[in-house]
């Protein structure tokens, strides 16, 4: 039983090295426990699950999601009563 507990709590180490050209060389190492790997996996999952709502919110209208106003030419007034002169749109008066 103690061998299983030691395996779950024993830190794991990984090392990597890289060399590019004549002047660049890099080495990295990380030591993490299995519980730390579980925490890292949870963080990565949370980040990936949060991408969809963030992208959806960024595509909304910047005025708080209010619907865009309809163009004036699609007003409830009959289209034959709406007129346009010199760049101005005239709607009929309320009855």
PDB file of N, CA and C in Angstrom:
ATOM      1  N   UNK A   1       0.823  -1.195   0.000  1.00  0.00           N
ATOM      2  CA  UNK A   1       0.000   0.000   0.000  1.00  0.00           C
ATOM      3  C   UNK A   1       0.864   1.254   0.000  1.00  0.00           C
ATOM      4  N   UNK A   2       1.950   1.257   0.725  1.00  0.00           N
ATOM      5  CA  UNK A   2       2.793   2.448   0.794  1.00  0.00           C
ATOM      6  C   UNK A   2       3.458   2.729  -0.546  1.00  0.00           C
ATOM      7  N   UNK A   3       3.676   1.702  -1.360  1.00  0.00           N
ATOM      8  CA  UNK A   3       4.287   1.905  -2.664  1.00  0.00           C
ATOM      9  C   UNK A   3       3.336   2.707  -3.575  1.00  0.00           C
ATOM     10  N   UNK A   4       2.031   2.456  -3.492  1.00  0.00           N
ATOM     11  CA  UNK A   4       1.046   3.193  -4.289  1.00  0.00           C
ATOM     12  C   UNK A   4       0.987   4.649  -3.836  1.00  0.00           C
ATOM     13  N   UNK A   5       0.986   4.897  -2.545  1.00  0.00           N
ATOM     14  CA  UNK A   5       0.941   6.261  -2.025  1.00  0.00           C
ATOM     15  C   UNK A   5       2.181   7.031  -2.447  1.00  0.00           C
ATOM     16  N   UNK A   6       3.343   6.386  -2.401  1.00  0.00           N
ATOM     17  CA  UNK A   6       4.576   7.058  -2.824  1.00  0.00           C
ATOM     18  C   UNK A   6       4.530   7.410  -4.305  1.00  0.00           C
ATOM     19  N   UNK A   7       3.926   6.543  -5.115  1.00  0.00           N
ATOM     20  CA  UNK A   7       3.829   6.814  -6.554  1.00  0.00           C
ATOM     21  C   UNK A   7       2.921   8.010  -6.823  1.00  0.00           C
ATOM     22  N   UNK A   8       1.857   8.163  -6.067  1.00  0.00           N
ATOM     23  CA  UNK A   8       0.931   9.270  -6.289  1.00  0.00           C
ATOM     24  C   UNK A   8       1.483  10.605  -5.796  1.00  0.00           C
ATOM     25  N   UNK A   9       2.360  10.580  -4.826  1.00  0.00           N
ATOM     26  CA  UNK A   9       2.883  11.833  -4.274  1.00  0.00           C
ATOM     27  C   UNK A   9       4.285  12.156  -4.765  1.00  0.00           C
ATOM     28  N   UNK A  10       4.942  11.217  -5.413  1.00  0.00           N
ATOM     29  CA  UNK A  10       6.314  11.448  -5.870  1.00  0.00           C
ATOM     30  C   UNK A  10       6.314  12.437  -7.028  1.00  0.00           C
ATOM     31  N   UNK A  11       7.170  13.448  -6.972  1.00  0.00           N
ATOM     32  CA  UNK A  11       7.225  14.409  -8.076  1.00  0.00           C
ATOM     33  C   UNK A  11       7.835  13.781  -9.323  1.00  0.00           C
ATOM     34  N   UNK A  12       7.333  14.199 -10.463  1.00  0.00           N
ATOM     35  CA  UNK A  12       7.836  13.743 -11.758  1.00  0.00           C
ATOM     36  C   UNK A  12       8.618  14.885 -12.395  1.00  0.00           C
ATOM     37  N   UNK A  13       9.708  14.566 -13.072  1.00  0.00           N
ATOM     38  CA  UNK A  13      10.563  15.587 -13.672  1.00  0.00           C
ATOM     39  C   UNK A  13      10.670  15.346 -15.170  1.00  0.00           C
ATOM     40  N   UNK A  14      10.627  16.409 -15.942  1.00  0.00           N
ATOM     41  CA  UNK A  14      10.814  16.346 -17.390  1.00  0.00           C
ATOM     42  C   UNK A  14      11.820  17.415 -17.781  1.00  0.00           C
ATOM     43  N   UNK A  15      12.691  17.073 -18.721  1.00  0.00           N
ATOM     44  CA  UNK A  15      13.711  18.017 -19.197  1.00  0.00           C
ATOM     45  C   UNK A  15      13.684  18.059 -20.715  1.00  0.00           C
ATOM     46  N   UNK A  16      13.996  19.228 -21.263  1.00  0.00           N
ATOM     47  CA  UNK A  16      14.053  19.398 -22.717  1.00  0.00           C
ATOM     48  C   UNK A  16      15.174  20.374 -23.041  1.00  0.00           C
ATOM     49  N   UNK A  17      15.808  20.158 -24.152  1.00  0.00           N
ATOM     50  CA  UNK A  17      16.859  21.064 -24.614  1.00  0.00           C
ATOM     51  C   UNK A  17      16.696  21.342 -26.089  1.00  0.00           C
ATOM     52  N   UNK A  18      17.183  22.513 -26.509  1.00  0.00           N
ATOM     53  CA  UNK A  18      17.051  22.910 -27.910  1.00  0.00           C
ATOM     54  C   UNK A  18      18.281  23.705 -28.317  1.00  0.00           C
ATOM     55  N   UNK A  19      18.736  23.477 -29.524  1.00  0.00           N
ATOM     56  CA  UNK A  19      19.867  24.229 -30.058  1.00  0.00           C
ATOM     57  C   UNK A  19      19.520  24.655 -31.473  1.00  0.00           C
ATOM     58  N   UNK A  20      19.734  25.927 -31.784  1.00  0.00           N
ATOM     59  CA  UNK A  20      19.455  26.444 -33.125  1.00  0.00           C
ATOM     60  C   UNK A  20      20.673  27.234 -33.588  1.00  0.00           C
ATOM     61  N   UNK A  21      21.227  26.828 -34.701  1.00  0.00           N
ATOM     62  CA  UNK A  21      22.390  27.525 -35.232  1.00  0.00           C
ATOM     63  C   UNK A  21      23.602  27.341 -34.334  1.00  0.00           C
ATOM     64  N   UNK A  22      24.515  28.317 -34.393  1.00  0.00           N
ATOM     65  CA  UNK A  22      25.732  28.244 -33.605  1.00  0.00           C
ATOM     66  C   UNK A  22      25.618  28.956 -32.272  1.00  0.00           C
ATOM     67  N   UNK A  23      24.707  29.922 -32.137  1.00  0.00           N
ATOM     68  CA  UNK A  23      24.713  30.752 -30.946  1.00  0.00           C
ATOM     69  C   UNK A  23      23.544  30.579 -29.986  1.00  0.00           C
ATOM     70  N   UNK A  24      22.519  29.832 -30.367  1.00  0.00           N
ATOM     71  CA  UNK A  24      21.346  29.751 -29.499  1.00  0.00           C
ATOM     72  C   UNK A  24      21.220  28.360 -28.909  1.00  0.00           C
ATOM     73  N   UNK A  25      21.103  28.297 -27.595  1.00  0.00           N
ATOM     74  CA  UNK A  25      20.896  27.030 -26.906  1.00  0.00           C
ATOM     75  C   UNK A  25      19.985  27.274 -25.717  1.00  0.00           C
ATOM     76  N   UNK A  26      18.982  26.406 -25.538  1.00  0.00           N
ATOM     77  CA  UNK A  26      18.036  26.580 -24.442  1.00  0.00           C
ATOM     78  C   UNK A  26      17.775  25.232 -23.781  1.00  0.00           C
ATOM     79  N   UNK A  27      17.634  25.270 -22.467  1.00  0.00           N
ATOM     80  CA  UNK A  27      17.289  24.078 -21.705  1.00  0.00           C
ATOM     81  C   UNK A  27      16.151  24.429 -20.761  1.00  0.00           C
ATOM     82  N   UNK A  28      15.250  23.475 -20.535  1.00  0.00           N
ATOM     83  CA  UNK A  28      14.134  23.693 -19.626  1.00  0.00           C
ATOM     84  C   UNK A  28      13.866  22.399 -18.871  1.00  0.00           C
ATOM     85  N   UNK A  29      13.428  22.558 -17.636  1.00  0.00           N
ATOM     86  CA  UNK A  29      13.023  21.390 -16.859  1.00  0.00           C
ATOM     87  C   UNK A  29      11.846  21.782 -15.976  1.00  0.00           C
ATOM     88  N   UNK A  30      11.013  20.803 -15.688  1.00  0.00           N
ATOM     89  CA  UNK A  30       9.843  21.039 -14.855  1.00  0.00           C
ATOM     90  C   UNK A  30       9.673  19.841 -13.922  1.00  0.00           C
ATOM     91  N   UNK A  31       9.304  20.141 -12.695  1.00  0.00           N
ATOM     92  CA  UNK A  31       9.020  19.101 -11.707  1.00  0.00           C
ATOM     93  C   UNK A  31       7.612  19.335 -11.178  1.00  0.00           C
ATOM     94  N   UNK A  32       6.769  18.302 -11.282  1.00  0.00           N
ATOM     95  CA  UNK A  32       5.373  18.448 -10.874  1.00  0.00           C
ATOM     96  C   UNK A  32       4.885  17.115 -10.297  1.00  0.00           C
ATOM     97  N   UNK A  33       3.982  17.209  -9.345  1.00  0.00           N
ATOM     98  CA  UNK A  33       3.399  16.005  -8.753  1.00  0.00           C
ATOM     99  C   UNK A  33       2.158  15.603  -9.551  1.00  0.00           C
ATOM    100  N   UNK A  34       1.679  14.389  -9.393  1.00  0.00           N
ATOM    101  CA  UNK A  34       0.442  13.997 -10.076  1.00  0.00           C
ATOM    102  C   UNK A  34      -0.742  14.896  -9.722  1.00  0.00           C
ATOM    103  N   UNK A  35      -0.796  15.370  -8.491  1.00  0.00           N
ATOM    104  CA  UNK A  35      -1.867  16.299  -8.127  1.00  0.00           C
ATOM    105  C   UNK A  35      -1.714  17.610  -8.900  1.00  0.00           C
ATOM    106  N   UNK A  36      -0.484  18.037  -9.119  1.00  0.00           N
ATOM    107  CA  UNK A  36      -0.242  19.238  -9.914  1.00  0.00           C
ATOM    108  C   UNK A  36      -0.654  19.043 -11.360  1.00  0.00           C
ATOM    109  N   UNK A  37      -0.404  17.844 -11.899  1.00  0.00           N
ATOM    110  CA  UNK A  37      -0.843  17.554 -13.270  1.00  0.00           C
ATOM    111  C   UNK A  37      -2.359  17.605 -13.382  1.00  0.00           C
ATOM    112  N   UNK A  38      -3.044  17.113 -12.366  1.00  0.00           N
ATOM    113  CA  UNK A  38      -4.501  17.174 -12.355  1.00  0.00           C
ATOM    114  C   UNK A  38      -4.981  18.624 -12.322  1.00  0.00           C
ATOM    115  N   UNK A  39      -4.328  19.456 -11.523  1.00  0.00           N
ATOM    116  CA  UNK A  39      -4.697  20.870 -11.455  1.00  0.00           C
ATOM    117  C   UNK A  39      -4.437  21.569 -12.787  1.00  0.00           C
ATOM    118  N   UNK A  40      -3.308  21.269 -13.417  1.00  0.00           N
ATOM    119  CA  UNK A  40      -2.989  21.869 -14.720  1.00  0.00           C
ATOM    120  C   UNK A  40      -4.023  21.444 -15.755  1.00  0.00           C
ATOM    121  N   UNK A  41      -4.413  20.165 -15.743  1.00  0.00           N
ATOM    122  CA  UNK A  41      -5.442  19.685 -16.665  1.00  0.00           C
ATOM    123  C   UNK A  41      -6.765  20.390 -16.448  1.00  0.00           C
ATOM    124  N   UNK A  42      -7.125  20.642 -15.190  1.00  0.00           N
ATOM    125  CA  UNK A  42      -8.362  21.376 -14.900  1.00  0.00           C
ATOM    126  C   UNK A  42      -8.310  22.802 -15.405  1.00  0.00           C
ATOM    127  N   UNK A  43      -7.161  23.449 -15.246  1.00  0.00           N
ATOM    128  CA  UNK A  43      -7.015  24.825 -15.743  1.00  0.00           C
ATOM    129  C   UNK A  43      -7.112  24.881 -17.264  1.00  0.00           C
ATOM    130  N   UNK A  44      -6.455  23.957 -17.940  1.00  0.00           N
ATOM    131  CA  UNK A  44      -6.510  23.930 -19.408  1.00  0.00           C
ATOM    132  C   UNK A  44      -7.946  23.681 -19.871  1.00  0.00           C
ATOM    133  N   UNK A  45      -8.648  22.763 -19.220  1.00  0.00           N
ATOM    134  CA  UNK A  45     -10.044  22.497 -19.588  1.00  0.00           C
ATOM    135  C   UNK A  45     -10.908  23.736 -19.375  1.00  0.00           C
ATOM    136  N   UNK A  46     -10.710  24.442 -18.269  1.00  0.00           N
ATOM    137  CA  UNK A  46     -11.495  25.656 -18.008  1.00  0.00           C
ATOM    138  C   UNK A  46     -11.219  26.727 -19.059  1.00  0.00           C
ATOM    139  N   UNK A  47      -9.963  26.862 -19.459  1.00  0.00           N
ATOM    140  CA  UNK A  47      -9.619  27.854 -20.482  1.00  0.00           C
ATOM    141  C   UNK A  47     -10.286  27.494 -21.807  1.00  0.00           C
ATOM    142  N   UNK A  48     -10.205  26.235 -22.192  1.00  0.00           N
ATOM    143  CA  UNK A  48     -10.809  25.828 -23.464  1.00  0.00           C
ATOM    144  C   UNK A  48     -12.325  25.970 -23.449  1.00  0.00           C
ATOM    145  N   UNK A  49     -12.956  25.683 -22.324  1.00  0.00           N
ATOM    146  CA  UNK A  49     -14.410  25.823 -22.240  1.00  0.00           C
ATOM    147  C   UNK A  49     -14.853  27.284 -22.211  1.00  0.00           C
ATOM    148  N   UNK A  50     -13.986  28.192 -21.802  1.00  0.00           N
ATOM    149  CA  UNK A  50     -14.364  29.602 -21.731  1.00  0.00           C
ATOM    150  C   UNK A  50     -14.179  30.329 -23.061  1.00  0.00           C
ATOM    151  N   UNK A  51     -13.557  29.698 -24.044  1.00  0.00           N
ATOM    152  CA  UNK A  51     -13.315  30.364 -25.331  1.00  0.00           C
ATOM    153  C   UNK A  51     -14.622  30.656 -26.053  1.00  0.00           C
ATOM    154  N   UNK A  52     -15.544  29.721 -26.083  1.00  0.00           N
ATOM    155  CA  UNK A  52     -16.796  29.898 -26.829  1.00  0.00           C
ATOM    156  C   UNK A  52     -17.608  31.090 -26.308  1.00  0.00           C
ATOM    157  N   UNK A  53     -17.859  31.212 -24.989  1.00  0.00           N
ATOM    158  CA  UNK A  53     -18.615  32.384 -24.530  1.00  0.00           C
ATOM    159  C   UNK A  53     -17.895  33.706 -24.786  1.00  0.00           C
ATOM    160  N   UNK A  54     -16.575  33.706 -24.717  1.00  0.00           N
ATOM    161  CA  UNK A  54     -15.830  34.940 -24.972  1.00  0.00           C
ATOM    162  C   UNK A  54     -15.972  35.354 -26.428  1.00  0.00           C
ATOM    163  N   UNK A  55     -15.838  34.404 -27.340  1.00  0.00           N
ATOM    164  CA  UNK A  55     -15.979  34.727 -28.771  1.00  0.00           C
ATOM    165  C   UNK A  55     -17.404  35.159 -29.071  1.00  0.00           C
ATOM    166  N   UNK A  56     -18.389  34.482 -28.478  1.00  0.00           N
ATOM    167  CA  UNK A  56     -19.786  34.848 -28.706  1.00  0.00           C
ATOM    168  C   UNK A  56     -20.062  36.265 -28.196  1.00  0.00           C
ATOM    169  N   UNK A  57     -19.524  36.607 -27.042  1.00  0.00           N
ATOM    170  CA  UNK A  57     -19.743  37.944 -26.490  1.00  0.00           C
ATOM    171  C   UNK A  57     -19.038  39.007 -27.324  1.00  0.00           C
ATOM    172  N   UNK A  58     -17.908  38.672 -27.921  1.00  0.00           N
ATOM    173  CA  UNK A  58     -17.197  39.664 -28.720  1.00  0.00           C
ATOM    174  C   UNK A  58     -17.909  39.950 -30.033  1.00  0.00           C
ATOM    175  N   UNK A  59     -18.765  39.054 -30.476  1.00  0.00           N
ATOM    176  CA  UNK A  59     -19.494  39.278 -31.730  1.00  0.00           C
ATOM    177  C   UNK A  59     -20.803  40.017 -31.528  1.00  0.00           C
ATOM    178  N   UNK A  60     -21.209  40.258 -30.296  1.00  0.00           N
ATOM    179  CA  UNK A  60     -22.455  40.980 -30.032  1.00  0.00           C
ATOM    180  C   UNK A  60     -22.298  42.459 -30.323  1.00  0.00           C
ATOM    181  N   UNK A  61     -23.421  43.120 -30.409  1.00  0.00           N
ATOM    182  CA  UNK A  61     -23.426  44.559 -30.605  1.00  0.00           C
ATOM    183  C   UNK A  61     -22.814  45.232 -29.383  1.00  0.00           C
ATOM    184  N   UNK A  62     -22.041  46.289 -29.577  1.00  0.00           N
ATOM    185  CA  UNK A  62     -21.348  46.938 -28.465  1.00  0.00           C
ATOM    186  C   UNK A  62     -22.286  47.743 -27.583  1.00  0.00           C
ATOM    187  N   UNK A  63     -23.539  47.907 -27.965  1.00  0.00           N
ATOM    188  CA  UNK A  63     -24.483  48.677 -27.149  1.00  0.00           C
ATOM    189  C   UNK A  63     -25.251  47.783 -26.198  1.00  0.00           C
ATOM    190  N   UNK A  64     -24.623  46.744 -25.697  1.00  0.00           N
ATOM    191  CA  UNK A  64     -25.267  45.893 -24.718  1.00  0.00           C
ATOM    192  C   UNK A  64     -26.214  44.871 -25.319  1.00  0.00           C
ATOM    193  N   UNK A  65     -26.019  44.524 -26.569  1.00  0.00           N
ATOM    194  CA  UNK A  65     -26.860  43.519 -27.182  1.00  0.00           C
ATOM    195  C   UNK A  65     -28.217  44.031 -27.630  1.00  0.00           C
ATOM    196  N   UNK A  66     -28.404  45.340 -27.649  1.00  0.00           N
ATOM    197  CA  UNK A  66     -29.673  45.898 -28.100  1.00  0.00           C
ATOM    198  C   UNK A  66     -29.844  45.611 -29.586  1.00  0.00           C
ATOM    199  N   UNK A  67     -31.061  45.390 -30.039  1.00  0.00           N
ATOM    200  CA  UNK A  67     -31.263  45.162 -31.472  1.00  0.00           C
ATOM    201  C   UNK A  67     -30.937  46.422 -32.265  1.00  0.00           C
ATOM    202  N   UNK A  68     -30.417  46.212 -33.443  1.00  0.00           N
ATOM    203  CA  UNK A  68     -30.074  47.343 -34.291  1.00  0.00           C
ATOM    204  C   UNK A  68     -31.352  48.031 -34.761  1.00  0.00           C
ATOM    205  N   UNK A  69     -31.350  49.384 -34.818  1.00  0.00           N
ATOM    206  CA  UNK A  69     -32.553  50.076 -35.280  1.00  0.00           C
ATOM    207  C   UNK A  69     -32.813  49.795 -36.754  1.00  0.00           C
ATOM    208  N   UNK A  70     -34.079  49.755 -37.094  1.00  0.00           N
ATOM    209  CA  UNK A  70     -34.428  49.531 -38.484  1.00  0.00           C
ATOM    210  C   UNK A  70     -34.192  50.812 -39.276  1.00  0.00           C
ATOM    211  N   UNK A  71     -33.848  50.684 -40.534  1.00  0.00           N
ATOM    212  CA  UNK A  71     -33.712  51.884 -41.361  1.00  0.00           C
ATOM    213  C   UNK A  71     -35.043  52.625 -41.449  1.00  0.00           C
ATOM    214  N   UNK A  72     -34.959  53.923 -41.635  1.00  0.00           N
ATOM    215  CA  UNK A  72     -36.169  54.739 -41.652  1.00  0.00           C
ATOM    216  C   UNK A  72     -37.097  54.380 -42.811  1.00  0.00           C
ATOM    217  N   UNK A  73     -36.559  53.878 -43.903  1.00  0.00           N
ATOM    218  CA  UNK A  73     -37.411  53.548 -45.037  1.00  0.00           C
ATOM    219  C   UNK A  73     -38.251  52.311 -44.764  1.00  0.00           C
ATOM    220  N   UNK A  74     -37.967  51.570 -43.695  1.00  0.00           N
ATOM    221  CA  UNK A  74     -38.790  50.426 -43.328  1.00  0.00           C
ATOM    222  C   UNK A  74     -39.710  50.796 -42.166  1.00  0.00           C
ATOM    223  N   UNK A  75     -40.091  52.037 -42.102  1.00  0.00           N
ATOM    224  CA  UNK A  75     -40.955  52.527 -41.038  1.00  0.00           C
ATOM    225  C   UNK A  75     -42.351  51.950 -41.217  1.00  0.00           C
ATOM    226  N   UNK A  76     -43.152  51.987 -40.159  1.00  0.00           N
ATOM    227  CA  UNK A  76     -44.501  51.435 -40.224  1.00  0.00           C
ATOM    228  C   UNK A  76     -45.390  52.192 -41.204  1.00  0.00           C
ATOM    229  N   UNK A  77     -45.010  53.389 -41.555  1.00  0.00           N
ATOM    230  CA  UNK A  77     -45.822  54.174 -42.489  1.00  0.00           C
ATOM    231  C   UNK A  77     -45.827  53.480 -43.855  1.00  0.00           C
ATOM    232  N   UNK A  78     -46.874  53.728 -44.577  1.00  0.00           N
ATOM    233  CA  UNK A  78     -46.964  53.155 -45.916  1.00  0.00           C
ATOM    234  C   UNK A  78     -45.805  53.686 -46.758  1.00  0.00           C
ATOM    235  N   UNK A  79     -45.159  52.826 -47.523  1.00  0.00           N
ATOM    236  CA  UNK A  79     -43.985  53.251 -48.288  1.00  0.00           C
ATOM    237  C   UNK A  79     -44.279  54.403 -49.249  1.00  0.00           C
ATOM    238  N   UNK A  80     -45.522  54.490 -49.747  1.00  0.00           N
ATOM    239  CA  UNK A  80     -45.817  55.584 -50.691  1.00  0.00           C
ATOM    240  C   UNK A  80     -45.897  56.932 -49.990  1.00  0.00           C
ATOM    241  N   UNK A  81     -46.039  56.964 -48.633  1.00  0.00           N
ATOM    242  CA  UNK A  81     -46.107  58.224 -47.891  1.00  0.00           C
ATOM    243  C   UNK A  81     -44.727  58.703 -47.434  1.00  0.00           C
ATOM    244  N   UNK A  82     -43.730  57.849 -47.495  1.00  0.00           N
ATOM    245  CA  UNK A  82     -42.366  58.242 -47.112  1.00  0.00           C
ATOM    246  C   UNK A  82     -41.692  58.797 -48.351  1.00  0.00           C
ATOM    247  N   UNK A  83     -41.082  59.968 -48.203  1.00  0.00           N
ATOM    248  CA  UNK A  83     -40.404  60.551 -49.354  1.00  0.00           C
ATOM    249  C   UNK A  83     -39.011  60.999 -48.964  1.00  0.00           C
ATOM    250  N   UNK A  84     -38.154  61.107 -49.965  1.00  0.00           N
ATOM    251  CA  UNK A  84     -36.768  61.502 -49.741  1.00  0.00           C
ATOM    252  C   UNK A  84     -36.434  62.643 -50.694  1.00  0.00           C
ATOM    253  N   UNK A  85     -35.934  63.728 -50.113  1.00  0.00           N
ATOM    254  CA  UNK A  85     -35.561  64.900 -50.914  1.00  0.00           C
ATOM    255  C   UNK A  85     -34.235  65.441 -50.399  1.00  0.00           C
ATOM    256  N   UNK A  86     -33.313  65.678 -51.289  1.00  0.00           N
ATOM    257  CA  UNK A  86     -32.016  66.265 -50.973  1.00  0.00           C
ATOM    258  C   UNK A  86     -31.325  65.544 -49.802  1.00  0.00           C
ATOM    259  N   UNK A  87     -31.393  64.237 -49.798  1.00  0.00           N
ATOM    260  CA  UNK A  87     -30.728  63.470 -48.751  1.00  0.00           C
ATOM    261  C   UNK A  87     -31.488  63.416 -47.441  1.00  0.00           C
ATOM    262  N   UNK A  88     -32.660  64.057 -47.363  1.00  0.00           N
ATOM    263  CA  UNK A  88     -33.474  64.036 -46.145  1.00  0.00           C
ATOM    264  C   UNK A  88     -34.638  63.072 -46.343  1.00  0.00           C
ATOM    265  N   UNK A  89     -34.992  62.352 -45.282  1.00  0.00           N
ATOM    266  CA  UNK A  89     -36.114  61.419 -45.330  1.00  0.00           C
ATOM    267  C   UNK A  89     -37.267  62.035 -44.547  1.00  0.00           C
ATOM    268  N   UNK A  90     -38.402  62.124 -45.186  1.00  0.00           N
ATOM    269  CA  UNK A  90     -39.590  62.722 -44.557  1.00  0.00           C
ATOM    270  C   UNK A  90     -40.625  61.637 -44.303  1.00  0.00           C
ATOM    271  N   UNK A  91     -41.060  61.530 -43.048  1.00  0.00           N
ATOM    272  CA  UNK A  91     -42.105  60.588 -42.661  1.00  0.00           C
ATOM    273  C   UNK A  91     -43.415  61.352 -42.454  1.00  0.00           C
ATOM    274  N   UNK A  92     -44.543  60.712 -42.666  1.00  0.00           N
ATOM    275  CA  UNK A  92     -45.819  61.418 -42.437  1.00  0.00           C
ATOM    276  C   UNK A  92     -46.007  61.701 -40.957  1.00  0.00           C
ATOM    277  N   UNK A  93     -46.724  62.750 -40.667  1.00  0.00           N
ATOM    278  CA  UNK A  93     -47.007  63.114 -39.282  1.00  0.00           C
ATOM    279  C   UNK A  93     -47.922  62.086 -38.644  1.00  0.00           C
ATOM    280  N   UNK A  94     -47.802  61.951 -37.340  1.00  0.00           N
ATOM    281  CA  UNK A  94     -48.647  60.999 -36.607  1.00  0.00           C
ATOM    282  C   UNK A  94     -50.093  61.449 -36.703  1.00  0.00           C
ATOM    283  N   UNK A  95     -50.975  60.519 -36.900  1.00  0.00           N
ATOM    284  CA  UNK A  95     -52.395  60.868 -37.057  1.00  0.00           C
ATOM    285  C   UNK A  95     -53.133  60.760 -35.767  1.00  0.00           C
TER     286      UNK A  95
END
